[in-house]
Each structure stands twice: as C-alpha cells, then as structure tokens.
C-alpha cells in the first residue's frame, strides 16, 4: 500500500510508515530462531511480524 510504505534503494524492499507500539520481544524471538537455525520457527515468526511476507522456496537449515 503506497500510503503506508516508503520505497528504498531496493525495488523489492519498502519501509513501513506506522503509528503504534512495536513488540521488541517478537523481534528478539526471530533473532533467537535465526541464531539457533530453527528455520520453521523463524519463518512463522517472520510471517507474524510481516503479514505480507510469503516464502515460496524450499526450507533449508
């Protein structure tokens, strides 16, 4: 949605314009999943943090 995003140098990456609170604990859970190589958990958390995120490729650890 162009009203809630700001373009970046990468045409596939946008910054969100949001009002409200950000749940830093969910971001920490994602970082922990990345550090533990728990790919399934990482993808679930990323989908929760970024509802528009859709991963269509194979899951590799």
PDB file of N, CA and C in Angstrom:
ATOM      1  N   UNK A   1       0.851  -1.174   0.000  1.00  0.00           N
ATOM      2  CA  UNK A   1       0.000   0.000   0.000  1.00  0.00           C
ATOM      3  C   UNK A   1       0.894   1.233   0.000  1.00  0.00           C
ATOM      4  N   UNK A   2       0.799   2.045  -1.019  1.00  0.00           N
ATOM      5  CA  UNK A   2       1.677   3.205  -1.172  1.00  0.00           C
ATOM      6  C   UNK A   2       1.467   4.258  -0.090  1.00  0.00           C
ATOM      7  N   UNK A   3       0.303   4.253   0.569  1.00  0.00           N
ATOM      8  CA  UNK A   3       0.047   5.227   1.628  1.00  0.00           C
ATOM      9  C   UNK A   3       0.771   4.881   2.924  1.00  0.00           C
ATOM     10  N   UNK A   4       1.186   3.633   3.075  1.00  0.00           N
ATOM     11  CA  UNK A   4       1.813   3.215   4.322  1.00  0.00           C
ATOM     12  C   UNK A   4       3.237   2.713   4.144  1.00  0.00           C
ATOM     13  N   UNK A   5       3.812   2.900   2.953  1.00  0.00           N
ATOM     14  CA  UNK A   5       5.183   2.445   2.720  1.00  0.00           C
ATOM     15  C   UNK A   5       6.032   3.536   2.089  1.00  0.00           C
ATOM     16  N   UNK A   6       7.332   3.399   2.312  1.00  0.00           N
ATOM     17  CA  UNK A   6       8.319   4.312   1.745  1.00  0.00           C
ATOM     18  C   UNK A   6       9.288   3.463   0.934  1.00  0.00           C
ATOM     19  N   UNK A   7       9.551   3.806  -0.319  1.00  0.00           N
ATOM     20  CA  UNK A   7      10.482   2.999  -1.110  1.00  0.00           C
ATOM     21  C   UNK A   7      11.913   3.091  -0.582  1.00  0.00           C
ATOM     22  N   UNK A   8      12.713   2.075  -0.897  1.00  0.00           N
ATOM     23  CA  UNK A   8      14.137   2.062  -0.567  1.00  0.00           C
ATOM     24  C   UNK A   8      14.916   1.926  -1.867  1.00  0.00           C
ATOM     25  N   UNK A   9      16.225   1.803  -1.765  1.00  0.00           N
ATOM     26  CA  UNK A   9      17.051   1.614  -2.958  1.00  0.00           C
ATOM     27  C   UNK A   9      16.759   0.285  -3.653  1.00  0.00           C
ATOM     28  N   UNK A  10      16.260  -0.686  -2.896  1.00  0.00           N
ATOM     29  CA  UNK A  10      15.908  -1.984  -3.459  1.00  0.00           C
ATOM     30  C   UNK A  10      14.431  -1.946  -3.847  1.00  0.00           C
ATOM     31  N   UNK A  11      14.092  -2.206  -5.107  1.00  0.00           N
ATOM     32  CA  UNK A  11      12.694  -2.109  -5.534  1.00  0.00           C
ATOM     33  C   UNK A  11      11.764  -3.118  -4.864  1.00  0.00           C
ATOM     34  N   UNK A  12      12.326  -4.146  -4.217  1.00  0.00           N
ATOM     35  CA  UNK A  12      11.501  -5.155  -3.549  1.00  0.00           C
ATOM     36  C   UNK A  12      11.375  -4.913  -2.049  1.00  0.00           C
ATOM     37  N   UNK A  13      12.047  -3.872  -1.544  1.00  0.00           N
ATOM     38  CA  UNK A  13      12.051  -3.609  -0.105  1.00  0.00           C
ATOM     39  C   UNK A  13      11.453  -2.234   0.162  1.00  0.00           C
ATOM     40  N   UNK A  14      10.525  -2.177   1.113  1.00  0.00           N
ATOM     41  CA  UNK A  14       9.890  -0.923   1.495  1.00  0.00           C
ATOM     42  C   UNK A  14       9.988  -0.734   2.997  1.00  0.00           C
ATOM     43  N   UNK A  15       9.984   0.509   3.431  1.00  0.00           N
ATOM     44  CA  UNK A  15       9.905   0.836   4.853  1.00  0.00           C
ATOM     45  C   UNK A  15       8.446   1.131   5.160  1.00  0.00           C
ATOM     46  N   UNK A  16       8.010   0.705   6.323  1.00  0.00           N
ATOM     47  CA  UNK A  16       6.621   0.934   6.722  1.00  0.00           C
ATOM     48  C   UNK A  16       6.490   2.250   7.467  1.00  0.00           C
ATOM     49  N   UNK A  17       5.409   2.966   7.182  1.00  0.00           N
ATOM     50  CA  UNK A  17       5.037   4.141   7.963  1.00  0.00           C
ATOM     51  C   UNK A  17       3.953   3.672   8.918  1.00  0.00           C
ATOM     52  N   UNK A  18       4.293   3.573  10.197  1.00  0.00           N
ATOM     53  CA  UNK A  18       3.327   3.047  11.163  1.00  0.00           C
ATOM     54  C   UNK A  18       3.250   3.928  12.388  1.00  0.00           C
ATOM     55  N   UNK A  19       2.115   3.894  13.018  1.00  0.00           N
ATOM     56  CA  UNK A  19       1.909   4.525  14.312  1.00  0.00           C
ATOM     57  C   UNK A  19       1.601   3.410  15.294  1.00  0.00           C
ATOM     58  N   UNK A  20       2.142   3.504  16.463  1.00  0.00           N
ATOM     59  CA  UNK A  20       1.844   2.488  17.459  1.00  0.00           C
ATOM     60  C   UNK A  20       3.096   1.867  18.029  1.00  0.00           C
ATOM     61  N   UNK A  21       2.861   0.827  18.801  1.00  0.00           N
ATOM     62  CA  UNK A  21       3.940   0.160  19.511  1.00  0.00           C
ATOM     63  C   UNK A  21       4.510  -0.976  18.666  1.00  0.00           C
ATOM     64  N   UNK A  22       5.810  -1.170  18.780  1.00  0.00           N
ATOM     65  CA  UNK A  22       6.467  -2.310  18.153  1.00  0.00           C
ATOM     66  C   UNK A  22       6.828  -3.303  19.242  1.00  0.00           C
ATOM     67  N   UNK A  23       6.533  -4.561  19.024  1.00  0.00           N
ATOM     68  CA  UNK A  23       6.796  -5.600  20.015  1.00  0.00           C
ATOM     69  C   UNK A  23       8.227  -6.111  19.852  1.00  0.00           C
ATOM     70  N   UNK A  24       9.136  -5.527  20.607  1.00  0.00           N
ATOM     71  CA  UNK A  24      10.548  -5.899  20.512  1.00  0.00           C
ATOM     72  C   UNK A  24      10.784  -7.347  20.922  1.00  0.00           C
ATOM     73  N   UNK A  25       9.923  -7.896  21.766  1.00  0.00           N
ATOM     74  CA  UNK A  25      10.113  -9.288  22.183  1.00  0.00           C
ATOM     75  C   UNK A  25       9.907 -10.248  21.013  1.00  0.00           C
ATOM     76  N   UNK A  26       8.997  -9.918  20.087  1.00  0.00           N
ATOM     77  CA  UNK A  26       8.806 -10.763  18.894  1.00  0.00           C
ATOM     78  C   UNK A  26      10.035 -10.690  17.998  1.00  0.00           C
ATOM     79  N   UNK A  27      10.636  -9.519  17.892  1.00  0.00           N
ATOM     80  CA  UNK A  27      11.858  -9.394  17.111  1.00  0.00           C
ATOM     81  C   UNK A  27      12.974 -10.206  17.755  1.00  0.00           C
ATOM     82  N   UNK A  28      13.053 -10.186  19.074  1.00  0.00           N
ATOM     83  CA  UNK A  28      14.070 -10.978  19.770  1.00  0.00           C
ATOM     84  C   UNK A  28      13.839 -12.471  19.539  1.00  0.00           C
ATOM     85  N   UNK A  29      12.584 -12.900  19.483  1.00  0.00           N
ATOM     86  CA  UNK A  29      12.285 -14.303  19.190  1.00  0.00           C
ATOM     87  C   UNK A  29      12.776 -14.677  17.798  1.00  0.00           C
ATOM     88  N   UNK A  30      12.617 -13.768  16.843  1.00  0.00           N
ATOM     89  CA  UNK A  30      13.111 -14.013  15.491  1.00  0.00           C
ATOM     90  C   UNK A  30      14.628 -14.117  15.494  1.00  0.00           C
ATOM     91  N   UNK A  31      15.294 -13.224  16.194  1.00  0.00           N
ATOM     92  CA  UNK A  31      16.758 -13.265  16.281  1.00  0.00           C
ATOM     93  C   UNK A  31      17.209 -14.577  16.915  1.00  0.00           C
ATOM     94  N   UNK A  32      16.524 -15.006  17.972  1.00  0.00           N
ATOM     95  CA  UNK A  32      16.868 -16.272  18.627  1.00  0.00           C
ATOM     96  C   UNK A  32      16.681 -17.453  17.676  1.00  0.00           C
ATOM     97  N   UNK A  33      15.599 -17.436  16.900  1.00  0.00           N
ATOM     98  CA  UNK A  33      15.359 -18.510  15.934  1.00  0.00           C
ATOM     99  C   UNK A  33      16.438 -18.517  14.861  1.00  0.00           C
ATOM    100  N   UNK A  34      16.854 -17.336  14.426  1.00  0.00           N
ATOM    101  CA  UNK A  34      17.934 -17.254  13.442  1.00  0.00           C
ATOM    102  C   UNK A  34      19.230 -17.810  14.008  1.00  0.00           C
ATOM    103  N   UNK A  35      19.537 -17.450  15.242  1.00  0.00           N
ATOM    104  CA  UNK A  35      20.774 -17.915  15.875  1.00  0.00           C
ATOM    105  C   UNK A  35      20.773 -19.417  16.119  1.00  0.00           C
ATOM    106  N   UNK A  36      19.600 -20.004  16.326  1.00  0.00           N
ATOM    107  CA  UNK A  36      19.527 -21.443  16.586  1.00  0.00           C
ATOM    108  C   UNK A  36      19.313 -22.248  15.303  1.00  0.00           C
ATOM    109  N   UNK A  37      19.232 -21.562  14.180  1.00  0.00           N
ATOM    110  CA  UNK A  37      18.998 -22.202  12.874  1.00  0.00           C
ATOM    111  C   UNK A  37      17.664 -22.941  12.822  1.00  0.00           C
ATOM    112  N   UNK A  38      16.684 -22.487  13.593  1.00  0.00           N
ATOM    113  CA  UNK A  38      15.348 -23.084  13.574  1.00  0.00           C
ATOM    114  C   UNK A  38      14.548 -22.419  12.453  1.00  0.00           C
ATOM    115  N   UNK A  39      14.685 -22.958  11.259  1.00  0.00           N
ATOM    116  CA  UNK A  39      14.112 -22.330  10.070  1.00  0.00           C
ATOM    117  C   UNK A  39      12.592 -22.259  10.127  1.00  0.00           C
ATOM    118  N   UNK A  40      11.944 -23.337  10.556  1.00  0.00           N
ATOM    119  CA  UNK A  40      10.477 -23.334  10.620  1.00  0.00           C
ATOM    120  C   UNK A  40       9.972 -22.260  11.578  1.00  0.00           C
ATOM    121  N   UNK A  41      10.592 -22.184  12.753  1.00  0.00           N
ATOM    122  CA  UNK A  41      10.193 -21.181  13.740  1.00  0.00           C
ATOM    123  C   UNK A  41      10.458 -19.775  13.212  1.00  0.00           C
ATOM    124  N   UNK A  42      11.608 -19.591  12.562  1.00  0.00           N
ATOM    125  CA  UNK A  42      11.962 -18.290  12.005  1.00  0.00           C
ATOM    126  C   UNK A  42      10.922 -17.838  10.982  1.00  0.00           C
ATOM    127  N   UNK A  43      10.512 -18.739  10.103  1.00  0.00           N
ATOM    128  CA  UNK A  43       9.534 -18.383   9.080  1.00  0.00           C
ATOM    129  C   UNK A  43       8.173 -18.052   9.693  1.00  0.00           C
ATOM    130  N   UNK A  44       7.768 -18.783  10.737  1.00  0.00           N
ATOM    131  CA  UNK A  44       6.498 -18.496  11.409  1.00  0.00           C
ATOM    132  C   UNK A  44       6.524 -17.118  12.068  1.00  0.00           C
ATOM    133  N   UNK A  45       7.627 -16.805  12.746  1.00  0.00           N
ATOM    134  CA  UNK A  45       7.742 -15.513  13.424  1.00  0.00           C
ATOM    135  C   UNK A  45       7.803 -14.383  12.404  1.00  0.00           C
ATOM    136  N   UNK A  46       8.557 -14.587  11.322  1.00  0.00           N
ATOM    137  CA  UNK A  46       8.660 -13.564  10.282  1.00  0.00           C
ATOM    138  C   UNK A  46       7.294 -13.303   9.659  1.00  0.00           C
ATOM    139  N   UNK A  47       6.519 -14.353   9.419  1.00  0.00           N
ATOM    140  CA  UNK A  47       5.164 -14.187   8.874  1.00  0.00           C
ATOM    141  C   UNK A  47       4.284 -13.411   9.848  1.00  0.00           C
ATOM    142  N   UNK A  48       4.467 -13.652  11.146  1.00  0.00           N
ATOM    143  CA  UNK A  48       3.694 -12.934  12.158  1.00  0.00           C
ATOM    144  C   UNK A  48       4.092 -11.457  12.202  1.00  0.00           C
ATOM    145  N   UNK A  49       5.394 -11.183  12.101  1.00  0.00           N
ATOM    146  CA  UNK A  49       5.878  -9.800  12.138  1.00  0.00           C
ATOM    147  C   UNK A  49       5.547  -9.035  10.863  1.00  0.00           C
ATOM    148  N   UNK A  50       5.585  -9.734   9.723  1.00  0.00           N
ATOM    149  CA  UNK A  50       5.357  -9.107   8.415  1.00  0.00           C
ATOM    150  C   UNK A  50       4.262  -9.906   7.699  1.00  0.00           C
ATOM    151  N   UNK A  51       2.995  -9.563   7.915  1.00  0.00           N
ATOM    152  CA  UNK A  51       1.901 -10.342   7.335  1.00  0.00           C
ATOM    153  C   UNK A  51       1.976 -10.486   5.813  1.00  0.00           C
ATOM    154  N   UNK A  52       2.593  -9.534   5.131  1.00  0.00           N
ATOM    155  CA  UNK A  52       2.700  -9.608   3.676  1.00  0.00           C
ATOM    156  C   UNK A  52       3.786 -10.574   3.226  1.00  0.00           C
ATOM    157  N   UNK A  53       4.635 -11.024   4.153  1.00  0.00           N
ATOM    158  CA  UNK A  53       5.732 -11.928   3.822  1.00  0.00           C
ATOM    159  C   UNK A  53       5.183 -13.276   3.377  1.00  0.00           C
ATOM    160  N   UNK A  54       5.706 -13.762   2.262  1.00  0.00           N
ATOM    161  CA  UNK A  54       5.309 -15.073   1.760  1.00  0.00           C
ATOM    162  C   UNK A  54       6.547 -15.755   1.211  1.00  0.00           C
ATOM    163  N   UNK A  55       6.918 -16.876   1.809  1.00  0.00           N
ATOM    164  CA  UNK A  55       8.098 -17.610   1.363  1.00  0.00           C
ATOM    165  C   UNK A  55       7.646 -18.801   0.547  1.00  0.00           C
ATOM    166  N   UNK A  56       8.059 -18.863  -0.703  1.00  0.00           N
ATOM    167  CA  UNK A  56       7.626 -19.923  -1.605  1.00  0.00           C
ATOM    168  C   UNK A  56       8.713 -20.956  -1.875  1.00  0.00           C
ATOM    169  N   UNK A  57       9.923 -20.706  -1.401  1.00  0.00           N
ATOM    170  CA  UNK A  57      11.037 -21.594  -1.703  1.00  0.00           C
ATOM    171  C   UNK A  57      11.163 -22.745  -0.735  1.00  0.00           C
ATOM    172  N   UNK A  58      12.144 -23.590  -0.985  1.00  0.00           N
ATOM    173  CA  UNK A  58      12.382 -24.707  -0.065  1.00  0.00           C
ATOM    174  C   UNK A  58      12.957 -24.205   1.254  1.00  0.00           C
ATOM    175  N   UNK A  59      12.625 -24.887   2.320  1.00  0.00           N
ATOM    176  CA  UNK A  59      13.150 -24.531   3.636  1.00  0.00           C
ATOM    177  C   UNK A  59      14.462 -25.258   3.820  1.00  0.00           C
ATOM    178  N   UNK A  60      15.538 -24.478   4.022  1.00  0.00           N
ATOM    179  CA  UNK A  60      16.863 -25.053   4.214  1.00  0.00           C
ATOM    180  C   UNK A  60      17.433 -24.535   5.511  1.00  0.00           C
ATOM    181  N   UNK A  61      18.033 -25.422   6.275  1.00  0.00           N
ATOM    182  CA  UNK A  61      18.646 -25.017   7.546  1.00  0.00           C
ATOM    183  C   UNK A  61      20.073 -24.591   7.327  1.00  0.00           C
TER     184      UNK A  61
END
